[in-house]
Amino acid sequence: MSARLVTAGDVTLSVTDRGQGQPLLLVHAFPLSARMWAPQLEAVPSGWRLIAPDLRGLGASPAGAVAPRHVRDHAADLLSLIDSLQCGPVVLAGLSMGGYIAFECWRQRPALIRALVLADTRADPDSDESRARRQILQQLAAEAGTGAVVDAMLPTLLGATSQACDPHLAVQVRAWAMENTAAGVIDALEVLRTRPDSRPDLARITCPVLALVGAEDTLTPPMLARTIAEGVADGVCVELPHAGHLASLEQPHAFTQALSTFLGRLS
């Protein structure tokens, strides 16, 4: 699946663009890249255009002159990308870290966001314990490289069903994650560690929101998705059986079906 480099403001992003019609911007999780959206990019709903960038400093997107270290940096990049492609307003879908960035995009320019899909993510910030774990992983990346961080995270990225029934998926996820540099991993961990509390924003979000979550997700459990859906004016929560934190990869058909149903409602 081919990607192209797109100038977005002062940065350059690698972007995979499939389909024609109404725009859906897909924002990937950490420690992956836009490759994680392969099942969705191969099954584009009719009448929709799926746009999947590699976040700056990850995948094939260069870090630029100043490395991204906060959700504000990635949100600014994505909003510039929407402007460059002249495709706004968009439906913005983010999984895990992509969800944190989606919240920030809405805070910065809500008029550019037609609807939000928040998958396997949370509105609350890192706890003190989680921030400390991020710093340990940053040190691990600096000393032992990307592989050491990926190996430490992999058992929690996939649900019990995937780990037992689809061992190849873990191999694929690790291979994609290994395409990221240690510097990119360290910067992304800082983005996660310093993200703001999005819970106060929930009551102010008036666009439609779909909260998607894997039933076996232990990193962002289903109750957190329900909190998001119940906290916004127009929210719905869909729980996907037999999926963990990377629900779009673990149960791609069910994930894409839930997404398509939501998009159909917007159409």
Protein backbone atom coordinates (compact mmCIF):
# COMPACT_ATOMS: atom_id res chain seq x y z
CA MET A 1 0.00 0.00 0.00
CA SER A 2 1.76 3.14 -1.22
CA ALA A 3 2.14 6.39 0.69
CA ARG A 4 3.20 9.86 -0.41
CA LEU A 5 4.94 12.74 1.30
CA VAL A 6 2.72 15.75 1.94
CA THR A 7 3.87 19.18 3.10
CA ALA A 8 1.71 20.28 6.03
CA GLY A 9 2.70 23.73 7.21
CA ASP A 10 6.33 23.53 8.28
CA VAL A 11 6.49 19.72 8.41
CA THR A 12 6.37 16.78 6.01
CA LEU A 13 4.16 13.77 6.67
CA SER A 14 3.94 10.39 4.99
CA VAL A 15 0.28 9.91 4.06
CA THR A 16 -1.70 6.95 2.71
CA ASP A 17 -4.85 8.13 0.95
CA ARG A 18 -7.55 5.73 -0.28
CA GLY A 19 -11.05 6.15 -1.68
CA GLN A 20 -13.08 9.17 -2.74
CA GLY A 21 -15.74 11.21 -1.03
CA GLN A 22 -16.18 12.46 2.51
CA PRO A 23 -12.89 12.60 4.47
CA LEU A 24 -12.03 10.34 7.41
CA LEU A 25 -8.64 11.03 8.99
CA LEU A 26 -7.14 8.01 10.81
CA VAL A 27 -4.60 8.67 13.60
CA HIS A 28 -2.51 5.70 14.65
CA ALA A 29 -1.51 4.33 18.04
CA PHE A 30 1.89 4.15 19.73
CA PRO A 31 4.28 2.43 19.04
CA LEU A 32 2.95 1.90 15.51
CA SER A 33 2.38 3.91 12.32
CA ALA A 34 -0.34 4.25 9.69
CA ARG A 35 0.39 0.65 8.72
CA MET A 36 -1.93 -0.40 11.57
CA TRP A 37 -4.89 0.86 9.51
CA ALA A 38 -4.22 -1.62 6.69
CA PRO A 39 -7.50 -3.57 7.18
CA GLN A 40 -9.57 -0.38 7.09
CA LEU A 41 -7.67 1.05 4.10
CA GLU A 42 -8.40 -2.14 2.19
CA ALA A 43 -12.15 -1.92 2.92
CA VAL A 44 -12.97 1.76 2.39
CA PRO A 45 -16.70 2.42 2.86
CA SER A 46 -18.43 3.65 -0.28
CA GLY A 47 -18.47 7.43 -0.52
CA TRP A 48 -15.59 7.93 1.89
CA ARG A 49 -11.95 8.94 1.58
CA LEU A 50 -9.60 7.51 4.20
CA ILE A 51 -6.48 9.54 4.99
CA ALA A 52 -3.88 7.86 7.21
CA PRO A 53 -0.71 9.82 8.07
CA ASP A 54 2.35 8.64 9.93
CA LEU A 55 2.68 11.01 12.87
CA ARG A 56 5.77 13.22 12.75
CA GLY A 57 8.85 11.31 13.87
CA LEU A 58 7.16 7.91 13.47
CA GLY A 59 6.87 5.56 10.51
CA ALA A 60 8.09 7.27 7.36
CA SER A 61 7.43 10.82 8.59
CA PRO A 62 10.60 12.73 9.52
CA ALA A 63 10.79 14.39 12.94
CA GLY A 64 11.54 17.78 11.40
CA ALA A 65 13.69 20.55 12.79
CA VAL A 66 12.04 20.35 16.23
CA ALA A 67 10.88 16.97 17.50
CA PRO A 68 7.21 16.65 18.58
CA ARG A 69 6.99 16.35 22.36
CA HIS A 70 3.35 17.18 23.14
CA VAL A 71 -0.09 16.38 21.76
CA ARG A 72 -0.23 20.05 20.69
CA ASP A 73 2.59 19.39 18.22
CA HIS A 74 0.88 16.45 16.53
CA ALA A 75 -2.50 18.18 16.55
CA ALA A 76 -1.01 21.22 14.82
CA ASP A 77 0.52 18.92 12.19
CA LEU A 78 -2.78 17.17 11.50
CA LEU A 79 -4.75 20.40 11.30
CA SER A 80 -2.15 21.73 8.85
CA LEU A 81 -2.51 18.50 6.86
CA ILE A 82 -6.28 19.00 6.63
CA ASP A 83 -5.66 22.53 5.40
CA SER A 84 -3.03 21.38 2.89
CA LEU A 85 -5.34 18.70 1.49
CA GLN A 86 -8.29 21.13 1.58
CA CYS A 87 -10.48 18.35 2.94
CA GLY A 88 -12.04 19.77 6.09
CA PRO A 89 -14.17 19.42 8.03
CA VAL A 90 -13.25 15.77 8.65
CA VAL A 91 -14.35 12.83 10.70
CA LEU A 92 -11.34 12.30 12.96
CA ALA A 93 -10.61 8.79 14.24
CA GLY A 94 -7.80 8.07 16.67
CA LEU A 95 -6.79 4.89 18.46
CA SER A 96 -4.99 5.08 21.82
CA MET A 97 -2.41 7.90 21.41
CA GLY A 98 -4.33 8.86 18.28
CA GLY A 99 -7.35 9.47 20.51
CA TYR A 100 -5.37 11.80 22.76
CA ILE A 101 -4.31 13.77 19.69
CA ALA A 102 -7.89 13.80 18.39
CA PHE A 103 -9.04 15.45 21.62
CA GLU A 104 -6.37 18.12 21.13
CA CYS A 105 -7.38 18.70 17.50
CA TRP A 106 -10.92 19.32 18.70
CA ARG A 107 -9.68 21.74 21.37
CA GLN A 108 -7.65 23.70 18.83
CA ARG A 109 -10.15 23.88 15.94
CA PRO A 110 -13.52 22.28 16.72
CA ALA A 111 -15.09 23.68 13.55
CA LEU A 112 -12.74 21.48 11.51
CA ILE A 113 -13.96 18.29 13.23
CA ARG A 114 -17.25 16.92 11.93
CA ALA A 115 -17.29 13.89 14.23
CA LEU A 116 -14.90 11.95 16.48
CA VAL A 117 -14.12 8.24 16.64
CA LEU A 118 -12.19 7.56 19.85
CA ALA A 119 -10.96 3.98 19.89
CA ASP A 120 -9.25 2.18 22.77
CA THR A 121 -8.34 5.47 24.41
CA ARG A 122 -9.16 7.50 27.51
CA ALA A 123 -10.01 11.06 28.46
CA ASP A 124 -8.03 11.13 31.72
CA PRO A 125 -4.29 11.95 31.84
CA ASP A 126 -1.50 9.65 32.97
CA SER A 127 -1.35 8.84 36.65
CA ASP A 128 1.90 9.47 38.52
CA GLU A 129 2.62 5.73 38.27
CA SER A 130 2.03 5.71 34.51
CA ARG A 131 4.25 8.75 34.00
CA ALA A 132 7.01 7.01 35.91
CA ARG A 133 6.63 3.93 33.69
CA ARG A 134 6.89 6.11 30.58
CA GLN A 135 10.20 7.51 31.84
CA ILE A 136 11.51 4.00 32.44
CA LEU A 137 10.59 3.09 28.86
CA GLN A 138 12.28 6.26 27.58
CA GLN A 139 15.47 5.23 29.35
CA LEU A 140 15.12 1.70 27.97
CA ALA A 141 14.76 3.07 24.43
CA ALA A 142 17.84 5.23 24.89
CA GLU A 143 19.93 2.34 26.20
CA ALA A 144 18.59 -0.69 24.32
CA GLY A 145 16.65 0.67 21.33
CA THR A 146 13.14 0.37 19.98
CA GLY A 147 12.98 -3.42 20.22
CA ALA A 148 13.34 -3.44 23.99
CA VAL A 149 10.39 -1.04 24.38
CA VAL A 150 8.22 -2.97 21.93
CA ASP A 151 8.94 -6.26 23.69
CA ALA A 152 8.01 -4.70 27.03
CA MET A 153 4.72 -3.38 25.65
CA LEU A 154 3.61 -6.18 23.31
CA PRO A 155 1.91 -8.42 25.92
CA THR A 156 -0.50 -5.60 26.80
CA LEU A 157 -1.19 -4.40 23.24
CA LEU A 158 -3.08 -7.53 22.18
CA GLY A 159 -6.00 -9.21 23.89
CA ALA A 160 -6.01 -12.73 25.29
CA THR A 161 -7.88 -14.12 22.27
CA SER A 162 -5.39 -12.68 19.78
CA GLN A 163 -2.42 -13.91 21.79
CA ALA A 164 -3.85 -17.42 21.95
CA CYS A 165 -5.35 -17.73 18.47
CA ASP A 166 -3.34 -15.43 16.19
CA PRO A 167 0.38 -15.51 17.08
CA HIS A 168 1.28 -14.08 13.66
CA LEU A 169 -0.41 -10.81 14.60
CA ALA A 170 2.10 -10.21 17.39
CA VAL A 171 4.92 -10.81 14.90
CA GLN A 172 3.37 -8.32 12.48
CA VAL A 173 2.79 -5.66 15.14
CA ARG A 174 6.37 -5.99 16.34
CA ALA A 175 7.73 -5.67 12.79
CA TRP A 176 5.74 -2.50 12.19
CA ALA A 177 6.81 -1.02 15.53
CA MET A 178 10.45 -1.79 14.78
CA GLU A 179 10.30 0.64 11.86
CA ASN A 180 10.28 3.47 14.40
CA THR A 181 13.56 4.95 15.59
CA ALA A 182 14.51 5.05 19.26
CA ALA A 183 14.37 8.85 19.12
CA GLY A 184 10.82 8.72 17.73
CA VAL A 185 9.81 6.29 20.48
CA ILE A 186 11.28 8.54 23.19
CA ASP A 187 9.48 11.59 21.83
CA ALA A 188 6.16 9.72 21.55
CA LEU A 189 6.45 8.52 25.15
CA GLU A 190 6.88 12.17 26.17
CA VAL A 191 3.71 13.03 24.22
CA LEU A 192 1.85 10.34 26.15
CA ARG A 193 3.37 11.31 29.50
CA THR A 194 2.52 15.00 29.26
CA ARG A 195 -0.95 14.86 27.70
CA PRO A 196 -3.63 17.02 29.36
CA ASP A 197 -6.82 15.94 31.07
CA SER A 198 -9.58 15.78 28.45
CA ARG A 199 -12.39 14.96 30.87
CA PRO A 200 -13.44 18.63 31.31
CA ASP A 201 -13.88 18.85 27.54
CA LEU A 202 -16.41 16.04 27.24
CA ALA A 203 -19.43 18.14 28.17
CA ARG A 204 -18.40 20.78 25.61
CA ILE A 205 -18.10 18.39 22.65
CA THR A 206 -21.24 18.75 20.52
CA CYS A 207 -20.23 16.75 17.44
CA PRO A 208 -21.18 13.04 17.20
CA VAL A 209 -18.75 10.72 19.00
CA LEU A 210 -18.20 6.98 18.60
CA ALA A 211 -16.24 5.34 21.42
CA LEU A 212 -14.92 1.97 20.21
CA VAL A 213 -13.15 -0.45 22.53
CA GLY A 214 -11.97 -4.03 22.63
CA ALA A 215 -13.67 -6.07 25.33
CA GLU A 216 -10.27 -7.53 26.29
CA ASP A 217 -8.45 -4.18 26.36
CA THR A 218 -6.53 -3.99 29.65
CA LEU A 219 -4.72 -0.70 28.90
CA THR A 220 -7.90 1.32 28.27
CA PRO A 221 -10.72 -0.90 29.55
CA PRO A 222 -14.30 -0.65 28.27
CA MET A 223 -15.48 1.41 31.23
CA LEU A 224 -13.27 4.27 30.00
CA ALA A 225 -14.94 4.19 26.58
CA ARG A 226 -18.34 4.25 28.25
CA THR A 227 -17.23 7.27 30.28
CA ILE A 228 -16.39 9.11 27.04
CA ALA A 229 -19.66 8.18 25.32
CA GLU A 230 -21.76 9.09 28.35
CA GLY A 231 -19.90 12.34 28.90
CA VAL A 232 -20.60 13.89 25.48
CA ALA A 233 -23.94 15.16 24.19
CA ASP A 234 -24.11 12.80 21.21
CA GLY A 235 -22.08 9.72 22.05
CA VAL A 236 -22.35 5.99 21.50
CA CYS A 237 -20.10 3.21 22.79
CA VAL A 238 -19.45 -0.03 20.91
CA GLU A 239 -17.58 -2.86 22.64
CA LEU A 240 -15.90 -5.38 20.35
CA PRO A 241 -15.67 -8.99 21.61
CA HIS A 242 -12.37 -10.89 21.42
CA ALA A 243 -10.33 -7.70 20.86
CA GLY A 244 -7.70 -6.06 23.04
CA HIS A 245 -6.03 -2.66 22.78
CA LEU A 246 -5.40 -2.83 19.02
CA ALA A 247 -9.01 -3.59 18.18
CA SER A 248 -8.75 -2.37 14.57
CA LEU A 249 -6.18 -5.12 13.91
CA GLU A 250 -7.48 -7.83 16.20
CA GLN A 251 -11.09 -7.75 15.01
CA PRO A 252 -10.84 -5.75 11.78
CA HIS A 253 -14.21 -6.79 10.34
CA ALA A 254 -16.14 -5.90 13.49
CA PHE A 255 -14.18 -2.65 13.90
CA THR A 256 -14.77 -1.60 10.29
CA GLN A 257 -18.45 -2.55 10.50
CA ALA A 258 -18.95 -0.41 13.61
CA LEU A 259 -17.09 2.43 11.92
CA SER A 260 -19.16 2.08 8.72
CA THR A 261 -22.41 2.11 10.68
CA PHE A 262 -21.37 5.33 12.41
CA LEU A 263 -20.30 6.92 9.13
CA GLY A 264 -23.58 5.89 7.54
CA ARG A 265 -25.41 7.79 10.25
CA LEU A 266 -23.39 10.91 9.39
CA SER A 267 -24.14 10.54 5.69
